[in-house]
Each structure stands twice: as C-alpha cells, then as structure tokens.
Amino acid sequence: MAKDANYIKLINTQRWRKLRLMKLQAQPLCECEECKEHGRIISATEVHHIVPVESVTTIEQMEALMFDWNNLMSVSNECHARIHAEMFSHTKENVQKANAKRTQRFIDKFL
C-alpha cells in the first residue's frame, strides 16, 4: 500500500481515474510478462505503473510518471499483486535499492 502523501493525492484525482479507464478500455487484457510467456488471456481490471511513481522524489517527477501512458500496463488483480510482491521482496538487492531511495528522498527533502 502506498504511503507517500503526494502519491495518494495523485491516485485519487479525476485525471488519474480518467486515464486509468482509458487504459483499460484501450488494452482490456492483462499485459504482464508472465501471462504473455504462458499464452494466458486474462481480463485486466487494474493499471500498473511500470516505473513506480514513488521511485522519484519530487511531485513534478511523480506526476510525469503517474500520467505517462507509456508507463502504464493493464493487468489482472492477481498479476498486479504478484508484480508488487516481486518488486518489494526482501532480497538483499531489493533492500539495498529501497534504502538508497529512502536516503535520496531524505537528502532531497532536508539537505
């Protein structure tokens, strides 16, 4: 679940809801790599940001990622959960990346 206040504001805008609906209408089937690899055809119910919106530090950067059509992927609920579980797994590499992001956000905000 998102914790960044700016992300929460953006995801609750009319602009996002409209873009999300347009994406699902334009691409109504799951576009994740696993479904493509296994030839599965599943209806998409959610829209995933390929590059996470919370991976950047400024509101301007977040807006750019949030509303970039090319940063969106139509996915099923199940696939969306799996993608996020993989992204936020606690492998050594993912923990190091998360710590680096937190450090950079602190630097950008306070230094």
PDB file of N, CA and C in Angstrom:
ATOM      1  N   MET A   1       0.841  -1.182   0.000  1.00  0.00           N
ATOM      2  CA  MET A   1       0.000   0.000   0.000  1.00  0.00           C
ATOM      3  C   MET A   1       0.881   1.238   0.000  1.00  0.00           C
ATOM      4  N   ALA A   2       0.538   2.186  -0.828  1.00  0.00           N
ATOM      5  CA  ALA A   2       1.302   3.428  -0.949  1.00  0.00           C
ATOM      6  C   ALA A   2       1.251   4.214   0.350  1.00  0.00           C
ATOM      7  N   LYS A   3       2.380   4.821   0.681  1.00  0.00           N
ATOM      8  CA  LYS A   3       2.452   5.603   1.899  1.00  0.00           C
ATOM      9  C   LYS A   3       2.746   7.070   1.624  1.00  0.00           C
ATOM     10  N   ASP A   4       3.247   7.383   0.450  1.00  0.00           N
ATOM     11  CA  ASP A   4       3.612   8.757   0.127  1.00  0.00           C
ATOM     12  C   ASP A   4       2.348   9.600  -0.057  1.00  0.00           C
ATOM     13  N   ALA A   5       2.269  10.712   0.678  1.00  0.00           N
ATOM     14  CA  ALA A   5       1.074  11.562   0.637  1.00  0.00           C
ATOM     15  C   ALA A   5       0.825  12.132  -0.755  1.00  0.00           C
ATOM     16  N   ASN A   6       1.887  12.493  -1.458  1.00  0.00           N
ATOM     17  CA  ASN A   6       1.718  13.032  -2.814  1.00  0.00           C
ATOM     18  C   ASN A   6       1.163  11.977  -3.766  1.00  0.00           C
ATOM     19  N   TYR A   7       1.644  10.742  -3.629  1.00  0.00           N
ATOM     20  CA  TYR A   7       1.132   9.650  -4.462  1.00  0.00           C
ATOM     21  C   TYR A   7      -0.354   9.429  -4.179  1.00  0.00           C
ATOM     22  N   ILE A   8      -0.717   9.420  -2.921  1.00  0.00           N
ATOM     23  CA  ILE A   8      -2.114   9.198  -2.547  1.00  0.00           C
ATOM     24  C   ILE A   8      -3.005  10.293  -3.138  1.00  0.00           C
ATOM     25  N   LYS A   9      -2.533  11.535  -3.107  1.00  0.00           N
ATOM     26  CA  LYS A   9      -3.306  12.631  -3.706  1.00  0.00           C
ATOM     27  C   LYS A   9      -3.471  12.419  -5.207  1.00  0.00           C
ATOM     28  N   LEU A  10      -2.379  12.048  -5.884  1.00  0.00           N
ATOM     29  CA  LEU A  10      -2.423  11.865  -7.336  1.00  0.00           C
ATOM     30  C   LEU A  10      -3.334  10.706  -7.743  1.00  0.00           C
ATOM     31  N   ILE A  11      -3.277   9.605  -7.008  1.00  0.00           N
ATOM     32  CA  ILE A  11      -4.052   8.421  -7.375  1.00  0.00           C
ATOM     33  C   ILE A  11      -5.546   8.644  -7.164  1.00  0.00           C
ATOM     34  N   ASN A  12      -5.903   9.655  -6.384  1.00  0.00           N
ATOM     35  CA  ASN A  12      -7.304   9.953  -6.111  1.00  0.00           C
ATOM     36  C   ASN A  12      -7.852  11.106  -6.945  1.00  0.00           C
ATOM     37  N   THR A  13      -7.125  11.509  -7.976  1.00  0.00           N
ATOM     38  CA  THR A  13      -7.593  12.611  -8.820  1.00  0.00           C
ATOM     39  C   THR A  13      -8.504  12.098  -9.944  1.00  0.00           C
ATOM     40  N   GLN A  14      -9.350  12.993 -10.416  1.00  0.00           N
ATOM     41  CA  GLN A  14     -10.208  12.685 -11.564  1.00  0.00           C
ATOM     42  C   GLN A  14      -9.340  12.397 -12.797  1.00  0.00           C
ATOM     43  N   ARG A  15      -8.232  13.120 -12.914  1.00  0.00           N
ATOM     44  CA  ARG A  15      -7.322  12.918 -14.058  1.00  0.00           C
ATOM     45  C   ARG A  15      -6.821  11.471 -14.089  1.00  0.00           C
ATOM     46  N   TRP A  16      -6.425  10.933 -12.921  1.00  0.00           N
ATOM     47  CA  TRP A  16      -5.951   9.548 -12.872  1.00  0.00           C
ATOM     48  C   TRP A  16      -7.080   8.575 -13.184  1.00  0.00           C
ATOM     49  N   ARG A  17      -8.249   8.772 -12.596  1.00  0.00           N
ATOM     50  CA  ARG A  17      -9.372   7.855 -12.838  1.00  0.00           C
ATOM     51  C   ARG A  17      -9.730   7.811 -14.328  1.00  0.00           C
ATOM     52  N   LYS A  18      -9.683   8.962 -14.980  1.00  0.00           N
ATOM     53  CA  LYS A  18      -9.996   9.016 -16.412  1.00  0.00           C
ATOM     54  C   LYS A  18      -8.927   8.280 -17.224  1.00  0.00           C
ATOM     55  N   LEU A  19      -7.660   8.538 -16.914  1.00  0.00           N
ATOM     56  CA  LEU A  19      -6.571   7.885 -17.640  1.00  0.00           C
ATOM     57  C   LEU A  19      -6.604   6.369 -17.420  1.00  0.00           C
ATOM     58  N   ARG A  20      -6.859   5.948 -16.193  1.00  0.00           N
ATOM     59  CA  ARG A  20      -6.946   4.532 -15.864  1.00  0.00           C
ATOM     60  C   ARG A  20      -8.042   3.847 -16.682  1.00  0.00           C
ATOM     61  N   LEU A  21      -9.202   4.473 -16.748  1.00  0.00           N
ATOM     62  CA  LEU A  21     -10.307   3.922 -17.525  1.00  0.00           C
ATOM     63  C   LEU A  21      -9.951   3.845 -19.008  1.00  0.00           C
ATOM     64  N   MET A  22      -9.317   4.887 -19.522  1.00  0.00           N
ATOM     65  CA  MET A  22      -8.909   4.886 -20.930  1.00  0.00           C
ATOM     66  C   MET A  22      -7.938   3.748 -21.216  1.00  0.00           C
ATOM     67  N   LYS A  23      -6.993   3.510 -20.300  1.00  0.00           N
ATOM     68  CA  LYS A  23      -6.016   2.436 -20.480  1.00  0.00           C
ATOM     69  C   LYS A  23      -6.706   1.078 -20.494  1.00  0.00           C
ATOM     70  N   LEU A  24      -7.615   0.854 -19.560  1.00  0.00           N
ATOM     71  CA  LEU A  24      -8.326  -0.430 -19.503  1.00  0.00           C
ATOM     72  C   LEU A  24      -9.212  -0.638 -20.726  1.00  0.00           C
ATOM     73  N   GLN A  25      -9.794   0.429 -21.247  1.00  0.00           N
ATOM     74  CA  GLN A  25     -10.614   0.311 -22.453  1.00  0.00           C
ATOM     75  C   GLN A  25      -9.744   0.041 -23.680  1.00  0.00           C
ATOM     76  N   ALA A  26      -8.582   0.689 -23.739  1.00  0.00           N
ATOM     77  CA  ALA A  26      -7.696   0.518 -24.891  1.00  0.00           C
ATOM     78  C   ALA A  26      -6.996  -0.844 -24.870  1.00  0.00           C
ATOM     79  N   GLN A  27      -6.678  -1.325 -23.681  1.00  0.00           N
ATOM     80  CA  GLN A  27      -5.973  -2.599 -23.535  1.00  0.00           C
ATOM     81  C   GLN A  27      -6.644  -3.407 -22.422  1.00  0.00           C
ATOM     82  N   PRO A  28      -7.733  -4.091 -22.747  1.00  0.00           N
ATOM     83  CA  PRO A  28      -8.538  -4.770 -21.724  1.00  0.00           C
ATOM     84  C   PRO A  28      -7.999  -6.118 -21.249  1.00  0.00           C
ATOM     85  N   LEU A  29      -6.897  -6.583 -21.811  1.00  0.00           N
ATOM     86  CA  LEU A  29      -6.330  -7.868 -21.398  1.00  0.00           C
ATOM     87  C   LEU A  29      -5.020  -7.661 -20.655  1.00  0.00           C
ATOM     88  N   CYS A  30      -4.724  -8.576 -19.735  1.00  0.00           N
ATOM     89  CA  CYS A  30      -3.507  -8.498 -18.932  1.00  0.00           C
ATOM     90  C   CYS A  30      -2.289  -8.490 -19.849  1.00  0.00           C
ATOM     91  N   GLU A  31      -1.395  -7.544 -19.596  1.00  0.00           N
ATOM     92  CA  GLU A  31      -0.197  -7.376 -20.416  1.00  0.00           C
ATOM     93  C   GLU A  31       1.084  -7.787 -19.704  1.00  0.00           C
ATOM     94  N   CYS A  32       0.990  -8.481 -18.565  1.00  0.00           N
ATOM     95  CA  CYS A  32       2.207  -8.809 -17.821  1.00  0.00           C
ATOM     96  C   CYS A  32       3.023  -9.865 -18.573  1.00  0.00           C
ATOM     97  N   GLU A  33       4.306  -9.888 -18.277  1.00  0.00           N
ATOM     98  CA  GLU A  33       5.221 -10.800 -18.964  1.00  0.00           C
ATOM     99  C   GLU A  33       4.870 -12.266 -18.716  1.00  0.00           C
ATOM    100  N   GLU A  34       4.461 -12.584 -17.505  1.00  0.00           N
ATOM    101  CA  GLU A  34       4.155 -13.982 -17.195  1.00  0.00           C
ATOM    102  C   GLU A  34       2.965 -14.480 -18.014  1.00  0.00           C
ATOM    103  N   CYS A  35       1.926 -13.666 -18.136  1.00  0.00           N
ATOM    104  CA  CYS A  35       0.761 -14.074 -18.944  1.00  0.00           C
ATOM    105  C   CYS A  35       1.146 -14.206 -20.415  1.00  0.00           C
ATOM    106  N   LYS A  36       1.934 -13.257 -20.908  1.00  0.00           N
ATOM    107  CA  LYS A  36       2.378 -13.323 -22.307  1.00  0.00           C
ATOM    108  C   LYS A  36       3.210 -14.576 -22.534  1.00  0.00           C
ATOM    109  N   GLU A  37       4.130 -14.860 -21.606  1.00  0.00           N
ATOM    110  CA  GLU A  37       5.024 -16.004 -21.731  1.00  0.00           C
ATOM    111  C   GLU A  37       4.266 -17.324 -21.762  1.00  0.00           C
ATOM    112  N   HIS A  38       3.199 -17.430 -20.978  1.00  0.00           N
ATOM    113  CA  HIS A  38       2.434 -18.666 -20.905  1.00  0.00           C
ATOM    114  C   HIS A  38       1.209 -18.658 -21.814  1.00  0.00           C
ATOM    115  N   GLY A  39       1.039 -17.631 -22.625  1.00  0.00           N
ATOM    116  CA  GLY A  39      -0.077 -17.563 -23.547  1.00  0.00           C
ATOM    117  C   GLY A  39      -1.434 -17.431 -22.879  1.00  0.00           C
ATOM    118  N   ARG A  40      -1.455 -16.917 -21.652  1.00  0.00           N
ATOM    119  CA  ARG A  40      -2.717 -16.750 -20.930  1.00  0.00           C
ATOM    120  C   ARG A  40      -3.422 -15.481 -21.374  1.00  0.00           C
ATOM    121  N   ILE A  41      -4.721 -15.564 -21.470  1.00  0.00           N
ATOM    122  CA  ILE A  41      -5.540 -14.402 -21.804  1.00  0.00           C
ATOM    123  C   ILE A  41      -6.473 -14.163 -20.623  1.00  0.00           C
ATOM    124  N   ILE A  42      -6.191 -13.081 -19.877  1.00  0.00           N
ATOM    125  CA  ILE A  42      -6.952 -12.748 -18.675  1.00  0.00           C
ATOM    126  C   ILE A  42      -7.427 -11.303 -18.796  1.00  0.00           C
ATOM    127  N   SER A  43      -8.631 -11.039 -18.364  1.00  0.00           N
ATOM    128  CA  SER A  43      -9.149  -9.671 -18.376  1.00  0.00           C
ATOM    129  C   SER A  43      -8.373  -8.813 -17.386  1.00  0.00           C
ATOM    130  N   ALA A  44      -8.063  -7.604 -17.810  1.00  0.00           N
ATOM    131  CA  ALA A  44      -7.381  -6.647 -16.938  1.00  0.00           C
ATOM    132  C   ALA A  44      -8.423  -5.871 -16.140  1.00  0.00           C
ATOM    133  N   THR A  45      -8.125  -5.696 -14.876  1.00  0.00           N
ATOM    134  CA  THR A  45      -9.020  -4.939 -14.001  1.00  0.00           C
ATOM    135  C   THR A  45      -8.285  -3.792 -13.319  1.00  0.00           C
ATOM    136  N   GLU A  46      -6.959  -3.771 -13.459  1.00  0.00           N
ATOM    137  CA  GLU A  46      -6.147  -2.768 -12.788  1.00  0.00           C
ATOM    138  C   GLU A  46      -5.096  -2.227 -13.745  1.00  0.00           C
ATOM    139  N   VAL A  47      -4.537  -1.080 -13.372  1.00  0.00           N
ATOM    140  CA  VAL A  47      -3.480  -0.467 -14.170  1.00  0.00           C
ATOM    141  C   VAL A  47      -2.245  -0.325 -13.287  1.00  0.00           C
ATOM    142  N   HIS A  48      -1.143  -0.857 -13.766  1.00  0.00           N
ATOM    143  CA  HIS A  48       0.126  -0.869 -13.024  1.00  0.00           C
ATOM    144  C   HIS A  48       1.084   0.154 -13.629  1.00  0.00           C
ATOM    145  N   HIS A  49       1.789   0.896 -12.766  1.00  0.00           N
ATOM    146  CA  HIS A  49       2.853   1.799 -13.223  1.00  0.00           C
ATOM    147  C   HIS A  49       4.140   0.980 -13.343  1.00  0.00           C
ATOM    148  N   ILE A  50       4.679   0.900 -14.526  1.00  0.00           N
ATOM    149  CA  ILE A  50       5.876   0.101 -14.778  1.00  0.00           C
ATOM    150  C   ILE A  50       7.046   0.637 -13.963  1.00  0.00           C
ATOM    151  N   VAL A  51       7.298   1.932 -14.072  1.00  0.00           N
ATOM    152  CA  VAL A  51       8.277   2.588 -13.208  1.00  0.00           C
ATOM    153  C   VAL A  51       7.457   3.164 -12.053  1.00  0.00           C
ATOM    154  N   PRO A  52       7.679   2.692 -10.838  1.00  0.00           N
ATOM    155  CA  PRO A  52       6.850   3.135  -9.717  1.00  0.00           C
ATOM    156  C   PRO A  52       6.862   4.649  -9.525  1.00  0.00           C
ATOM    157  N   VAL A  53       5.702   5.206  -9.327  1.00  0.00           N
ATOM    158  CA  VAL A  53       5.560   6.645  -9.128  1.00  0.00           C
ATOM    159  C   VAL A  53       6.325   7.088  -7.892  1.00  0.00           C
ATOM    160  N   GLU A  54       6.355   6.256  -6.887  1.00  0.00           N
ATOM    161  CA  GLU A  54       7.056   6.603  -5.646  1.00  0.00           C
ATOM    162  C   GLU A  54       8.571   6.404  -5.723  1.00  0.00           C
ATOM    163  N   SER A  55       9.080   6.042  -6.892  1.00  0.00           N
ATOM    164  CA  SER A  55      10.522   5.843  -7.025  1.00  0.00           C
ATOM    165  C   SER A  55      11.275   7.145  -7.254  1.00  0.00           C
ATOM    166  N   VAL A  56      10.540   8.240  -7.451  1.00  0.00           N
ATOM    167  CA  VAL A  56      11.169   9.540  -7.662  1.00  0.00           C
ATOM    168  C   VAL A  56      10.886  10.432  -6.461  1.00  0.00           C
ATOM    169  N   THR A  57      11.525  11.598  -6.439  1.00  0.00           N
ATOM    170  CA  THR A  57      11.480  12.385  -5.212  1.00  0.00           C
ATOM    171  C   THR A  57      10.624  13.647  -5.265  1.00  0.00           C
ATOM    172  N   THR A  58      10.386  14.201  -6.434  1.00  0.00           N
ATOM    173  CA  THR A  58       9.612  15.443  -6.483  1.00  0.00           C
ATOM    174  C   THR A  58       8.210  15.188  -7.010  1.00  0.00           C
ATOM    175  N   ILE A  59       7.296  16.085  -6.665  1.00  0.00           N
ATOM    176  CA  ILE A  59       5.914  15.962  -7.131  1.00  0.00           C
ATOM    177  C   ILE A  59       5.846  16.055  -8.654  1.00  0.00           C
ATOM    178  N   GLU A  60       6.704  16.876  -9.245  1.00  0.00           N
ATOM    179  CA  GLU A  60       6.724  17.005 -10.705  1.00  0.00           C
ATOM    180  C   GLU A  60       7.128  15.696 -11.369  1.00  0.00           C
ATOM    181  N   GLN A  61       8.139  15.038 -10.806  1.00  0.00           N
ATOM    182  CA  GLN A  61       8.576  13.747 -11.334  1.00  0.00           C
ATOM    183  C   GLN A  61       7.486  12.691 -11.141  1.00  0.00           C
ATOM    184  N   MET A  62       6.831  12.746  -9.988  1.00  0.00           N
ATOM    185  CA  MET A  62       5.751  11.797  -9.718  1.00  0.00           C
ATOM    186  C   MET A  62       4.615  11.974 -10.713  1.00  0.00           C
ATOM    187  N   GLU A  63       4.229  13.221 -10.973  1.00  0.00           N
ATOM    188  CA  GLU A  63       3.160  13.484 -11.944  1.00  0.00           C
ATOM    189  C   GLU A  63       3.550  12.979 -13.328  1.00  0.00           C
ATOM    190  N   ALA A  64       4.808  13.178 -13.704  1.00  0.00           N
ATOM    191  CA  ALA A  64       5.261  12.718 -15.024  1.00  0.00           C
ATOM    192  C   ALA A  64       5.099  11.200 -15.148  1.00  0.00           C
ATOM    193  N   LEU A  65       5.468  10.463 -14.111  1.00  0.00           N
ATOM    194  CA  LEU A  65       5.321   9.004 -14.150  1.00  0.00           C
ATOM    195  C   LEU A  65       3.864   8.573 -14.023  1.00  0.00           C
ATOM    196  N   MET A  66       3.115   9.259 -13.184  1.00  0.00           N
ATOM    197  CA  MET A  66       1.716   8.906 -12.936  1.00  0.00           C
ATOM    198  C   MET A  66       0.881   8.958 -14.213  1.00  0.00           C
ATOM    199  N   PHE A  67       1.091   9.997 -15.003  1.00  0.00           N
ATOM    200  CA  PHE A  67       0.213  10.248 -16.145  1.00  0.00           C
ATOM    201  C   PHE A  67       0.855   9.925 -17.494  1.00  0.00           C
ATOM    202  N   ASP A  68       1.971   9.214 -17.488  1.00  0.00           N
ATOM    203  CA  ASP A  68       2.646   8.807 -18.722  1.00  0.00           C
ATOM    204  C   ASP A  68       2.016   7.513 -19.239  1.00  0.00           C
ATOM    205  N   TRP A  69       1.313   7.612 -20.352  1.00  0.00           N
ATOM    206  CA  TRP A  69       0.639   6.455 -20.956  1.00  0.00           C
ATOM    207  C   TRP A  69       1.591   5.278 -21.142  1.00  0.00           C
ATOM    208  N   ASN A  70       2.824   5.573 -21.531  1.00  0.00           N
ATOM    209  CA  ASN A  70       3.810   4.520 -21.789  1.00  0.00           C
ATOM    210  C   ASN A  70       4.345   3.881 -20.514  1.00  0.00           C
ATOM    211  N   ASN A  71       3.996   4.435 -19.368  1.00  0.00           N
ATOM    212  CA  ASN A  71       4.410   3.869 -18.091  1.00  0.00           C
ATOM    213  C   ASN A  71       3.289   3.024 -17.466  1.00  0.00           C
ATOM    214  N   LEU A  72       2.246   2.777 -18.224  1.00  0.00           N
ATOM    215  CA  LEU A  72       1.090   2.051 -17.703  1.00  0.00           C
ATOM    216  C   LEU A  72       0.968   0.675 -18.347  1.00  0.00           C
ATOM    217  N   MET A  73       0.474  -0.278 -17.555  1.00  0.00           N
ATOM    218  CA  MET A  73       0.281  -1.631 -18.043  1.00  0.00           C
ATOM    219  C   MET A  73      -1.027  -2.155 -17.466  1.00  0.00           C
ATOM    220  N   SER A  74      -1.910  -2.621 -18.320  1.00  0.00           N
ATOM    221  CA  SER A  74      -3.164  -3.231 -17.880  1.00  0.00           C
ATOM    222  C   SER A  74      -2.869  -4.624 -17.351  1.00  0.00           C
ATOM    223  N   VAL A  75      -3.372  -4.918 -16.137  1.00  0.00           N
ATOM    224  CA  VAL A  75      -3.114  -6.218 -15.517  1.00  0.00           C
ATOM    225  C   VAL A  75      -4.339  -6.693 -14.744  1.00  0.00           C
ATOM    226  N   SER A  76      -4.361  -7.975 -14.463  1.00  0.00           N
ATOM    227  CA  SER A  76      -5.412  -8.513 -13.601  1.00  0.00           C
ATOM    228  C   SER A  76      -5.032  -8.216 -12.149  1.00  0.00           C
ATOM    229  N   ASN A  77      -5.995  -8.369 -11.253  1.00  0.00           N
ATOM    230  CA  ASN A  77      -5.727  -8.155  -9.830  1.00  0.00           C
ATOM    231  C   ASN A  77      -4.655  -9.114  -9.339  1.00  0.00           C
ATOM    232  N   GLU A  78      -4.772 -10.376  -9.728  1.00  0.00           N
ATOM    233  CA  GLU A  78      -3.801 -11.393  -9.310  1.00  0.00           C
ATOM    234  C   GLU A  78      -2.391 -11.064  -9.797  1.00  0.00           C
ATOM    235  N   CYS A  79      -2.277 -10.678 -11.060  1.00  0.00           N
ATOM    236  CA  CYS A  79      -0.963 -10.350 -11.619  1.00  0.00           C
ATOM    237  C   CYS A  79      -0.391  -9.084 -10.969  1.00  0.00           C
ATOM    238  N   HIS A  80      -1.256  -8.113 -10.693  1.00  0.00           N
ATOM    239  CA  HIS A  80      -0.806  -6.876 -10.058  1.00  0.00           C
ATOM    240  C   HIS A  80      -0.213  -7.177  -8.680  1.00  0.00           C
ATOM    241  N   ALA A  81      -0.887  -8.015  -7.917  1.00  0.00           N
ATOM    242  CA  ALA A  81      -0.387  -8.392  -6.596  1.00  0.00           C
ATOM    243  C   ALA A  81       0.953  -9.119  -6.711  1.00  0.00           C
ATOM    244  N   ARG A  82       1.063 -10.029  -7.681  1.00  0.00           N
ATOM    245  CA  ARG A  82       2.309 -10.777  -7.879  1.00  0.00           C
ATOM    246  C   ARG A  82       3.449  -9.847  -8.266  1.00  0.00           C
ATOM    247  N   ILE A  83       3.181  -8.919  -9.190  1.00  0.00           N
ATOM    248  CA  ILE A  83       4.213  -7.973  -9.630  1.00  0.00           C
ATOM    249  C   ILE A  83       4.728  -7.166  -8.439  1.00  0.00           C
ATOM    250  N   HIS A  84       3.815  -6.665  -7.611  1.00  0.00           N
ATOM    251  CA  HIS A  84       4.234  -5.874  -6.451  1.00  0.00           C
ATOM    252  C   HIS A  84       4.970  -6.727  -5.420  1.00  0.00           C
ATOM    253  N   ALA A  85       4.555  -7.951  -5.245  1.00  0.00           N
ATOM    254  CA  ALA A  85       5.259  -8.838  -4.312  1.00  0.00           C
ATOM    255  C   ALA A  85       6.693  -9.063  -4.779  1.00  0.00           C
ATOM    256  N   GLU A  86       6.873  -9.242  -6.065  1.00  0.00           N
ATOM    257  CA  GLU A  86       8.216  -9.430  -6.615  1.00  0.00           C
ATOM    258  C   GLU A  86       9.039  -8.155  -6.490  1.00  0.00           C
ATOM    259  N   MET A  87       8.404  -7.009  -6.744  1.00  0.00           N
ATOM    260  CA  MET A  87       9.111  -5.721  -6.668  1.00  0.00           C
ATOM    261  C   MET A  87       9.583  -5.420  -5.253  1.00  0.00           C
ATOM    262  N   PHE A  88       8.775  -5.788  -4.280  1.00  0.00           N
ATOM    263  CA  PHE A  88       9.078  -5.425  -2.908  1.00  0.00           C
ATOM    264  C   PHE A  88       9.512  -6.617  -2.058  1.00  0.00           C
ATOM    265  N   SER A  89      10.051  -7.627  -2.733  1.00  0.00           N
ATOM    266  CA  SER A  89      10.555  -8.770  -1.982  1.00  0.00           C
ATOM    267  C   SER A  89      11.762  -8.317  -1.156  1.00  0.00           C
ATOM    268  N   HIS A  90      12.067  -9.051  -0.138  1.00  0.00           N
ATOM    269  CA  HIS A  90      13.126  -8.654   0.776  1.00  0.00           C
ATOM    270  C   HIS A  90      14.461  -9.316   0.445  1.00  0.00           C
ATOM    271  N   THR A  91      14.749  -9.432  -0.845  1.00  0.00           N
ATOM    272  CA  THR A  91      16.064  -9.923  -1.223  1.00  0.00           C
ATOM    273  C   THR A  91      17.080  -8.844  -0.878  1.00  0.00           C
ATOM    274  N   LYS A  92      18.321  -9.220  -0.752  1.00  0.00           N
ATOM    275  CA  LYS A  92      19.374  -8.262  -0.397  1.00  0.00           C
ATOM    276  C   LYS A  92      19.405  -7.100  -1.388  1.00  0.00           C
ATOM    277  N   GLU A  93      19.272  -7.397  -2.658  1.00  0.00           N
ATOM    278  CA  GLU A  93      19.308  -6.370  -3.696  1.00  0.00           C
ATOM    279  C   GLU A  93      18.146  -5.390  -3.551  1.00  0.00           C
ATOM    280  N   ASN A  94      16.939  -5.900  -3.328  1.00  0.00           N
ATOM    281  CA  ASN A  94      15.767  -5.023  -3.190  1.00  0.00           C
ATOM    282  C   ASN A  94      15.831  -4.178  -1.926  1.00  0.00           C
ATOM    283  N   VAL A  95      16.344  -4.734  -0.847  1.00  0.00           N
ATOM    284  CA  VAL A  95      16.502  -3.969   0.387  1.00  0.00           C
ATOM    285  C   VAL A  95      17.502  -2.834   0.170  1.00  0.00           C
ATOM    286  N   GLN A  96      18.599  -3.112  -0.507  1.00  0.00           N
ATOM    287  CA  GLN A  96      19.596  -2.075  -0.786  1.00  0.00           C
ATOM    288  C   GLN A  96      19.020  -0.965  -1.662  1.00  0.00           C
ATOM    289  N   LYS A  97      18.237  -1.330  -2.666  1.00  0.00           N
ATOM    290  CA  LYS A  97      17.607  -0.327  -3.528  1.00  0.00           C
ATOM    291  C   LYS A  97      16.636   0.537  -2.734  1.00  0.00           C
ATOM    292  N   ALA A  98      15.828  -0.084  -1.893  1.00  0.00           N
ATOM    293  CA  ALA A  98      14.862   0.661  -1.084  1.00  0.00           C
ATOM    294  C   ALA A  98      15.580   1.610  -0.129  1.00  0.00           C
ATOM    295  N   ASN A  99      16.655   1.153   0.479  1.00  0.00           N
ATOM    296  CA  ASN A  99      17.415   2.013   1.388  1.00  0.00           C
ATOM    297  C   ASN A  99      18.034   3.187   0.642  1.00  0.00           C
ATOM    298  N   ALA A 100      18.517   2.950  -0.557  1.00  0.00           N
ATOM    299  CA  ALA A 100      19.095   4.032  -1.359  1.00  0.00           C
ATOM    300  C   ALA A 100      18.027   5.071  -1.712  1.00  0.00           C
ATOM    301  N   LYS A 101      16.824   4.604  -2.039  1.00  0.00           N
ATOM    302  CA  LYS A 101      15.729   5.531  -2.352  1.00  0.00           C
ATOM    303  C   LYS A 101      15.358   6.367  -1.140  1.00  0.00           C
ATOM    304  N   ARG A 102      15.273   5.721   0.028  1.00  0.00           N
ATOM    305  CA  ARG A 102      14.930   6.462   1.252  1.00  0.00           C
ATOM    306  C   ARG A 102      15.993   7.514   1.564  1.00  0.00           C
ATOM    307  N   THR A 103      17.248   7.140   1.400  1.00  0.00           N
ATOM    308  CA  THR A 103      18.344   8.081   1.647  1.00  0.00           C
ATOM    309  C   THR A 103      18.263   9.254   0.691  1.00  0.00           C
ATOM    310  N   GLN A 104      18.005   8.992  -0.582  1.00  0.00           N
ATOM    311  CA  GLN A 104      17.917  10.062  -1.570  1.00  0.00           C
ATOM    312  C   GLN A 104      16.736  10.983  -1.272  1.00  0.00           C
ATOM    313  N   ARG A 105      15.612  10.433  -0.875  1.00  0.00           N
ATOM    314  CA  ARG A 105      14.457  11.264  -0.518  1.00  0.00           C
ATOM    315  C   ARG A 105      14.784  12.169   0.663  1.00  0.00           C
ATOM    316  N   PHE A 106      15.495  11.612   1.652  1.00  0.00           N
ATOM    317  CA  PHE A 106      15.891  12.411   2.814  1.00  0.00           C
ATOM    318  C   PHE A 106      16.805  13.555   2.378  1.00  0.00           C
ATOM    319  N   ILE A 107      17.777  13.252   1.552  1.00  0.00           N
ATOM    320  CA  ILE A 107      18.721  14.256   1.057  1.00  0.00           C
ATOM    321  C   ILE A 107      17.970  15.347   0.291  1.00  0.00           C
ATOM    322  N   ASP A 108      17.082  14.932  -0.598  1.00  0.00           N
ATOM    323  CA  ASP A 108      16.324  15.904  -1.391  1.00  0.00           C
ATOM    324  C   ASP A 108      15.433  16.779  -0.530  1.00  0.00           C
ATOM    325  N   LYS A 109      14.902  16.216   0.522  1.00  0.00           N
ATOM    326  CA  LYS A 109      13.955  16.951   1.354  1.00  0.00           C
ATOM    327  C   LYS A 109      14.647  17.854   2.374  1.00  0.00           C
ATOM    328  N   PHE A 110      15.736  17.390   2.955  1.00  0.00           N
ATOM    329  CA  PHE A 110      16.320  18.119   4.079  1.00  0.00           C
ATOM    330  C   PHE A 110      17.694  18.738   3.821  1.00  0.00           C
ATOM    331  N   LEU A 111      18.366  18.345   2.792  1.00  0.00           N
ATOM    332  CA  LEU A 111      19.724  18.886   2.567  1.00  0.00           C
ATOM    333  C   LEU A 111      19.817  19.721   1.314  1.00  0.00           C
TER     334      LEU A 111
END
